[in-house]
Amino acid sequence: MSRVTQPGVDLTEGESGPWESRALCAQTDPELFYPEKGHDSRPAKRICNRCEVAVDCLADALDGREPYGVRGGLPERQRRALLKAGVTGDVVRARRTTVPALLMAPR
């Protein structure tokens, strides 16, 4: 079996996770979620903002300390800032809130 890896999706072919199969990123060009340094990440963020599983994606990215790409609506720089502020995947799951709200909410 081969691995399928896209932003928010890392599955062995034929597996289905609890949320990954509903991720909008799995239906789009994966390169959108890995913009070159200095390039615009807004197209990927717009997709994440419409995605019903963005909170789960962000939580998994924080738990796994994912170093690359846009995950759950946030690029790696913003995810590092959340981790530094003490926001973990468990916090994200507990709040079940939108990704932009996490950036502004008190910790």
N, C-alpha and C. Protein backbone atom coordinates (compact mmCIF):
# COMPACT_ATOMS: atom_id res chain seq x y z
N MET A 1 0.84 -1.19 0.00
CA MET A 1 0.00 0.00 0.00
C MET A 1 0.87 1.24 0.00
N SER A 2 0.42 2.25 -0.69
CA SER A 2 1.19 3.49 -0.75
C SER A 2 0.58 4.54 0.17
N ARG A 3 1.41 5.53 0.53
CA ARG A 3 0.93 6.64 1.36
C ARG A 3 0.38 7.74 0.49
N VAL A 4 -0.68 8.37 0.93
CA VAL A 4 -1.25 9.54 0.28
C VAL A 4 -1.05 10.69 1.23
N THR A 5 -0.30 11.71 0.82
CA THR A 5 -0.04 12.83 1.71
C THR A 5 -0.39 14.13 1.02
N GLN A 6 -1.34 14.84 1.60
CA GLN A 6 -1.75 16.17 1.17
C GLN A 6 -1.96 16.97 2.44
N PRO A 7 -2.04 18.27 2.34
CA PRO A 7 -2.29 19.07 3.54
C PRO A 7 -3.52 18.57 4.26
N GLY A 8 -3.35 18.24 5.51
CA GLY A 8 -4.47 17.77 6.30
C GLY A 8 -4.81 16.31 6.07
N VAL A 9 -4.12 15.66 5.13
CA VAL A 9 -4.43 14.27 4.80
C VAL A 9 -3.12 13.49 4.73
N ASP A 10 -3.00 12.47 5.55
CA ASP A 10 -1.83 11.60 5.51
C ASP A 10 -2.34 10.20 5.78
N LEU A 11 -2.72 9.51 4.74
CA LEU A 11 -3.36 8.21 4.89
C LEU A 11 -2.68 7.17 4.02
N THR A 12 -2.74 5.93 4.46
CA THR A 12 -2.35 4.84 3.59
C THR A 12 -3.50 4.63 2.63
N GLU A 13 -3.19 4.41 1.38
CA GLU A 13 -4.23 4.26 0.37
C GLU A 13 -5.25 3.24 0.84
N GLY A 14 -6.51 3.60 0.78
CA GLY A 14 -7.57 2.71 1.21
C GLY A 14 -8.04 2.98 2.63
N GLU A 15 -7.25 3.68 3.45
CA GLU A 15 -7.67 4.03 4.80
C GLU A 15 -8.58 5.25 4.75
N SER A 16 -9.36 5.43 5.78
CA SER A 16 -10.17 6.64 5.88
C SER A 16 -10.16 7.07 7.33
N GLY A 17 -9.71 8.29 7.57
CA GLY A 17 -9.69 8.82 8.92
C GLY A 17 -11.04 9.39 9.28
N PRO A 18 -11.19 9.82 10.53
CA PRO A 18 -12.49 10.33 10.98
C PRO A 18 -12.87 11.65 10.31
N TRP A 19 -11.92 12.44 9.86
CA TRP A 19 -12.24 13.73 9.26
C TRP A 19 -11.55 13.98 7.93
N GLU A 20 -10.47 13.30 7.68
CA GLU A 20 -9.64 13.58 6.51
C GLU A 20 -10.39 13.44 5.19
N SER A 21 -11.31 12.49 5.13
CA SER A 21 -12.02 12.28 3.86
C SER A 21 -12.95 13.44 3.52
N ARG A 22 -13.27 14.29 4.50
CA ARG A 22 -14.13 15.44 4.24
C ARG A 22 -13.35 16.73 4.01
N ALA A 23 -12.03 16.67 4.06
CA ALA A 23 -11.19 17.87 3.91
C ALA A 23 -11.24 18.39 2.48
N LEU A 24 -11.51 19.69 2.34
CA LEU A 24 -11.55 20.30 1.01
C LEU A 24 -10.20 20.26 0.30
N CYS A 25 -9.12 20.27 1.07
CA CYS A 25 -7.80 20.26 0.45
C CYS A 25 -7.55 18.98 -0.35
N ALA A 26 -8.22 17.92 0.03
CA ALA A 26 -8.05 16.65 -0.69
C ALA A 26 -8.67 16.72 -2.08
N GLN A 27 -9.49 17.75 -2.32
CA GLN A 27 -10.17 17.90 -3.61
C GLN A 27 -9.54 19.00 -4.47
N THR A 28 -8.42 19.57 -4.01
CA THR A 28 -7.80 20.69 -4.73
C THR A 28 -6.33 20.40 -5.00
N ASP A 29 -5.71 21.31 -5.68
CA ASP A 29 -4.28 21.19 -6.01
C ASP A 29 -3.44 21.32 -4.74
N PRO A 30 -2.69 20.29 -4.36
CA PRO A 30 -1.89 20.35 -3.14
C PRO A 30 -0.85 21.46 -3.13
N GLU A 31 -0.41 21.90 -4.30
CA GLU A 31 0.61 22.95 -4.36
C GLU A 31 0.11 24.27 -3.79
N LEU A 32 -1.21 24.48 -3.79
CA LEU A 32 -1.76 25.70 -3.19
C LEU A 32 -1.39 25.82 -1.71
N PHE A 33 -1.23 24.68 -1.06
CA PHE A 33 -1.00 24.65 0.38
C PHE A 33 0.49 24.71 0.74
N TYR A 34 1.32 24.79 -0.27
CA TYR A 34 2.77 24.90 -0.08
C TYR A 34 3.32 26.05 -0.92
N PRO A 35 2.89 27.28 -0.65
CA PRO A 35 3.38 28.40 -1.47
C PRO A 35 4.87 28.63 -1.24
N GLU A 36 5.54 29.05 -2.28
CA GLU A 36 6.96 29.39 -2.18
C GLU A 36 7.12 30.55 -1.21
N LYS A 37 8.28 30.64 -0.59
CA LYS A 37 8.54 31.74 0.34
C LYS A 37 8.29 33.08 -0.36
N GLY A 38 7.52 33.93 0.30
CA GLY A 38 7.19 35.24 -0.26
C GLY A 38 5.95 35.24 -1.14
N HIS A 39 5.41 34.07 -1.45
CA HIS A 39 4.21 33.99 -2.27
C HIS A 39 2.97 33.97 -1.39
N ASP A 40 1.85 34.22 -1.99
CA ASP A 40 0.58 34.39 -1.30
C ASP A 40 0.00 33.05 -0.81
N SER A 41 -0.34 32.98 0.47
CA SER A 41 -0.98 31.78 1.02
C SER A 41 -2.50 31.97 1.13
N ARG A 42 -3.00 33.13 0.72
CA ARG A 42 -4.44 33.40 0.85
C ARG A 42 -5.33 32.42 0.09
N PRO A 43 -4.96 31.96 -1.11
CA PRO A 43 -5.85 30.98 -1.76
C PRO A 43 -6.06 29.72 -0.92
N ALA A 44 -5.01 29.23 -0.30
CA ALA A 44 -5.15 28.05 0.57
C ALA A 44 -5.97 28.39 1.80
N LYS A 45 -5.73 29.55 2.38
CA LYS A 45 -6.48 29.96 3.58
C LYS A 45 -7.98 30.08 3.27
N ARG A 46 -8.31 30.57 2.08
CA ARG A 46 -9.73 30.69 1.71
C ARG A 46 -10.39 29.32 1.65
N ILE A 47 -9.67 28.35 1.12
CA ILE A 47 -10.21 26.98 1.08
C ILE A 47 -10.40 26.46 2.50
N CYS A 48 -9.40 26.66 3.35
CA CYS A 48 -9.50 26.20 4.73
C CYS A 48 -10.65 26.87 5.47
N ASN A 49 -10.87 28.14 5.21
CA ASN A 49 -11.94 28.87 5.89
C ASN A 49 -13.32 28.35 5.52
N ARG A 50 -13.44 27.68 4.39
CA ARG A 50 -14.72 27.08 3.98
C ARG A 50 -14.82 25.62 4.38
N CYS A 51 -13.75 25.05 4.90
CA CYS A 51 -13.68 23.62 5.16
C CYS A 51 -14.30 23.27 6.52
N GLU A 52 -15.15 22.27 6.53
CA GLU A 52 -15.82 21.87 7.76
C GLU A 52 -14.89 21.18 8.76
N VAL A 53 -13.71 20.77 8.34
CA VAL A 53 -12.80 20.07 9.24
C VAL A 53 -11.52 20.85 9.52
N ALA A 54 -11.54 22.17 9.28
CA ALA A 54 -10.34 22.99 9.48
C ALA A 54 -9.84 22.94 10.92
N VAL A 55 -10.75 22.89 11.88
CA VAL A 55 -10.34 22.84 13.29
C VAL A 55 -9.59 21.54 13.57
N ASP A 56 -10.10 20.43 13.05
CA ASP A 56 -9.43 19.14 13.23
C ASP A 56 -8.06 19.14 12.56
N CYS A 57 -7.99 19.72 11.38
CA CYS A 57 -6.74 19.79 10.64
C CYS A 57 -5.70 20.61 11.42
N LEU A 58 -6.12 21.76 11.92
CA LEU A 58 -5.21 22.59 12.69
C LEU A 58 -4.76 21.87 13.96
N ALA A 59 -5.67 21.22 14.64
CA ALA A 59 -5.32 20.50 15.87
C ALA A 59 -4.28 19.42 15.58
N ASP A 60 -4.47 18.67 14.51
CA ASP A 60 -3.50 17.63 14.16
C ASP A 60 -2.15 18.23 13.76
N ALA A 61 -2.18 19.36 13.06
CA ALA A 61 -0.94 20.02 12.66
C ALA A 61 -0.17 20.51 13.89
N LEU A 62 -0.89 21.03 14.89
CA LEU A 62 -0.23 21.47 16.12
C LEU A 62 0.31 20.28 16.90
N ASP A 63 -0.49 19.22 17.02
CA ASP A 63 -0.04 18.02 17.74
C ASP A 63 1.20 17.43 17.10
N GLY A 64 1.21 17.40 15.76
CA GLY A 64 2.33 16.81 15.04
C GLY A 64 3.46 17.77 14.76
N ARG A 65 3.30 19.04 15.21
CA ARG A 65 4.30 20.07 14.97
C ARG A 65 4.69 20.12 13.50
N GLU A 66 3.65 20.09 12.65
CA GLU A 66 3.84 20.09 11.20
C GLU A 66 4.60 21.35 10.77
N PRO A 67 5.79 21.18 10.17
CA PRO A 67 6.63 22.34 9.87
C PRO A 67 6.37 23.01 8.53
N TYR A 68 5.53 22.43 7.68
CA TYR A 68 5.39 22.97 6.33
C TYR A 68 3.94 23.19 5.94
N GLY A 69 3.72 24.14 5.07
CA GLY A 69 2.44 24.34 4.43
C GLY A 69 1.37 25.01 5.28
N VAL A 70 0.24 25.24 4.63
CA VAL A 70 -0.94 25.80 5.28
C VAL A 70 -1.77 24.63 5.77
N ARG A 71 -2.07 24.62 7.05
CA ARG A 71 -2.88 23.56 7.65
C ARG A 71 -3.93 24.21 8.54
N GLY A 72 -5.17 23.82 8.36
CA GLY A 72 -6.23 24.39 9.18
C GLY A 72 -6.35 25.89 9.03
N GLY A 73 -5.92 26.42 7.91
CA GLY A 73 -6.03 27.85 7.65
C GLY A 73 -4.84 28.68 8.09
N LEU A 74 -3.82 28.05 8.64
CA LEU A 74 -2.66 28.79 9.13
C LEU A 74 -1.36 28.28 8.52
N PRO A 75 -0.49 29.20 8.10
CA PRO A 75 0.84 28.79 7.65
C PRO A 75 1.70 28.43 8.86
N GLU A 76 2.84 27.85 8.58
CA GLU A 76 3.71 27.37 9.66
C GLU A 76 4.09 28.46 10.66
N ARG A 77 4.31 29.67 10.20
CA ARG A 77 4.70 30.77 11.10
C ARG A 77 3.62 31.02 12.15
N GLN A 78 2.37 31.07 11.72
CA GLN A 78 1.27 31.32 12.66
C GLN A 78 1.05 30.12 13.59
N ARG A 79 1.26 28.91 13.08
CA ARG A 79 1.13 27.74 13.96
C ARG A 79 2.22 27.74 15.02
N ARG A 80 3.44 28.13 14.64
CA ARG A 80 4.52 28.22 15.64
C ARG A 80 4.17 29.23 16.73
N ALA A 81 3.55 30.35 16.33
CA ALA A 81 3.16 31.37 17.30
C ALA A 81 2.11 30.82 18.27
N LEU A 82 1.17 30.04 17.76
CA LEU A 82 0.17 29.42 18.65
C LEU A 82 0.84 28.47 19.63
N LEU A 83 1.74 27.64 19.13
CA LEU A 83 2.43 26.70 20.01
C LEU A 83 3.23 27.43 21.07
N LYS A 84 3.90 28.48 20.67
CA LYS A 84 4.70 29.27 21.61
C LYS A 84 3.81 29.88 22.70
N ALA A 85 2.56 30.23 22.33
CA ALA A 85 1.62 30.81 23.28
C ALA A 85 0.91 29.74 24.11
N GLY A 86 1.25 28.49 23.88
CA GLY A 86 0.66 27.41 24.67
C GLY A 86 -0.60 26.80 24.11
N VAL A 87 -0.96 27.13 22.88
CA VAL A 87 -2.14 26.55 22.26
C VAL A 87 -1.76 25.19 21.68
N THR A 88 -2.42 24.16 22.14
CA THR A 88 -2.15 22.80 21.67
C THR A 88 -3.33 22.30 20.83
N GLY A 89 -3.16 21.15 20.25
CA GLY A 89 -4.26 20.54 19.50
C GLY A 89 -5.47 20.30 20.39
N ASP A 90 -5.23 19.93 21.64
CA ASP A 90 -6.34 19.70 22.56
C ASP A 90 -7.13 20.99 22.82
N VAL A 91 -6.43 22.11 22.92
CA VAL A 91 -7.10 23.40 23.13
C VAL A 91 -7.97 23.72 21.92
N VAL A 92 -7.42 23.51 20.73
CA VAL A 92 -8.17 23.78 19.50
C VAL A 92 -9.41 22.90 19.43
N ARG A 93 -9.25 21.61 19.74
CA ARG A 93 -10.40 20.70 19.69
C ARG A 93 -11.46 21.08 20.73
N ALA A 94 -11.02 21.47 21.92
CA ALA A 94 -11.97 21.83 22.98
C ALA A 94 -12.76 23.08 22.63
N ARG A 95 -12.13 24.04 21.99
CA ARG A 95 -12.82 25.30 21.66
C ARG A 95 -13.73 25.14 20.45
N ARG A 96 -13.41 24.19 19.55
CA ARG A 96 -14.21 23.97 18.35
C ARG A 96 -14.61 25.29 17.69
N THR A 97 -13.64 26.15 17.57
CA THR A 97 -13.90 27.48 17.05
C THR A 97 -13.25 27.66 15.69
N THR A 98 -13.55 28.76 15.06
CA THR A 98 -12.94 29.04 13.77
C THR A 98 -11.47 29.35 13.96
N VAL A 99 -10.70 29.11 12.95
CA VAL A 99 -9.26 29.34 13.03
C VAL A 99 -8.92 30.81 13.31
N PRO A 100 -9.51 31.78 12.61
CA PRO A 100 -9.16 33.18 12.92
C PRO A 100 -9.47 33.55 14.37
N ALA A 101 -10.52 32.99 14.94
CA ALA A 101 -10.87 33.31 16.33
C ALA A 101 -9.78 32.83 17.29
N LEU A 102 -9.11 31.76 16.98
CA LEU A 102 -8.03 31.27 17.83
C LEU A 102 -6.89 32.26 17.93
N LEU A 103 -6.62 32.94 16.84
CA LEU A 103 -5.51 33.89 16.83
C LEU A 103 -5.79 35.10 17.70
N MET A 104 -7.05 35.42 17.89
CA MET A 104 -7.40 36.62 18.66
C MET A 104 -7.87 36.30 20.07
N ALA A 105 -8.20 35.05 20.34
CA ALA A 105 -8.75 34.70 21.65
C ALA A 105 -7.67 34.70 22.72
N PRO A 106 -8.03 35.10 23.94
CA PRO A 106 -7.07 35.00 25.03
C PRO A 106 -6.78 33.54 25.32
N ARG A 107 -5.57 33.29 25.72
CA ARG A 107 -5.18 31.90 25.98
C ARG A 107 -5.35 31.65 27.43
